[in-house]
Protein backbone atom coordinates (compact mmCIF):
# COMPACT_ATOMS: atom_id res chain seq x y z
CA MET A 1 0.00 0.00 0.00
CA SER A 2 1.38 3.42 -0.92
CA SER A 3 1.58 6.51 1.25
CA ALA A 4 -1.23 8.06 -0.78
CA ASP A 5 -3.48 5.11 0.07
CA HIS A 6 -2.66 5.53 3.77
CA TYR A 7 -3.40 9.23 3.57
CA ILE A 8 -6.78 8.59 1.93
CA GLN A 9 -7.65 6.03 4.60
CA LEU A 10 -6.59 8.35 7.41
CA SER A 11 -8.40 11.37 5.99
CA SER A 12 -11.63 9.39 5.66
CA LEU A 13 -11.74 8.73 9.42
CA PRO A 14 -13.62 10.98 11.85
CA GLU A 15 -11.49 13.71 13.49
CA GLU A 16 -11.41 12.04 16.92
CA VAL A 17 -10.26 8.72 15.45
CA ARG A 18 -7.55 10.51 13.44
CA ARG A 19 -6.25 12.06 16.66
CA GLN A 20 -6.15 8.63 18.28
CA VAL A 21 -4.24 7.18 15.32
CA LEU A 22 -1.71 10.02 15.44
CA ASP A 23 -1.32 9.59 19.22
CA PHE A 24 -0.66 5.89 18.67
CA ILE A 25 1.94 6.66 16.00
CA GLU A 26 3.70 9.05 18.40
CA PHE A 27 3.62 6.35 21.08
CA LEU A 28 5.19 3.80 18.71
CA MET A 29 7.89 6.27 17.66
CA LEU A 30 8.69 7.07 21.30
CA ARG A 31 8.88 3.38 22.17
CA GLU A 32 11.21 2.74 19.23
CA ARG A 33 13.51 5.59 20.28
CA LYS A 34 13.63 4.26 23.84
CA GLN A 35 14.53 0.78 22.58
CA GLN A 36 17.36 2.28 20.55
CA GLY A 37 18.57 4.21 23.59
CA LYS A 38 17.78 7.62 22.15
CA GLU A 39 16.22 10.34 24.25
CA PRO A 40 12.85 11.54 22.96
CA GLU A 41 12.96 14.91 21.28
CA LYS A 42 11.08 17.62 23.10
CA PRO A 43 9.03 19.85 20.83
CA LYS A 44 10.49 23.33 20.57
CA PRO A 45 8.13 26.12 21.59
CA ILE A 46 7.01 28.41 18.80
CA SER A 47 7.03 32.00 19.95
CA GLY A 48 4.22 34.21 18.77
CA LEU A 49 1.98 31.28 17.93
CA LEU A 50 -1.05 32.86 19.62
CA LYS A 51 -0.30 36.45 18.67
CA GLY A 52 -3.55 38.29 18.07
CA LYS A 53 -5.66 35.44 19.48
CA VAL A 54 -5.86 36.71 23.08
CA LYS A 55 -7.65 39.97 23.83
CA ILE A 56 -7.41 41.67 27.23
CA ALA A 57 -10.06 44.25 28.02
CA ASP A 58 -8.93 47.86 28.50
CA ASP A 59 -10.42 47.90 32.02
CA PHE A 60 -8.73 44.62 33.05
CA ASP A 61 -7.04 46.21 36.09
CA ALA A 62 -10.07 48.28 37.11
CA PRO A 63 -11.58 47.39 40.49
CA LEU A 64 -14.70 45.27 40.40
CA ASP A 65 -17.97 46.74 41.65
CA ASP A 66 -18.53 43.70 43.87
CA PHE A 67 -15.51 44.65 46.01
CA LYS A 68 -16.18 48.40 46.44
CA GLU A 69 -17.28 48.00 50.07
CA TYR A 70 -13.99 46.27 50.94
CA MET A 71 -11.81 48.93 49.27
CA GLU A 72 -13.15 51.93 51.18
């Protein structure tokens, strides 16, 4: 079976099942590396990955009305 056939089979699965298949592949790769005595590679963080995705309100630091009686 070719890689294209595997891709077609994988892409025809529901999203949750695809995630499980990919998790299992990662598990098998990790197990193989451990058997060969290699340390697993840690994924490198990607800076700026969520840039523009998080929005903080302008009044974020403003006191909450619920605590006014405690702040007087």
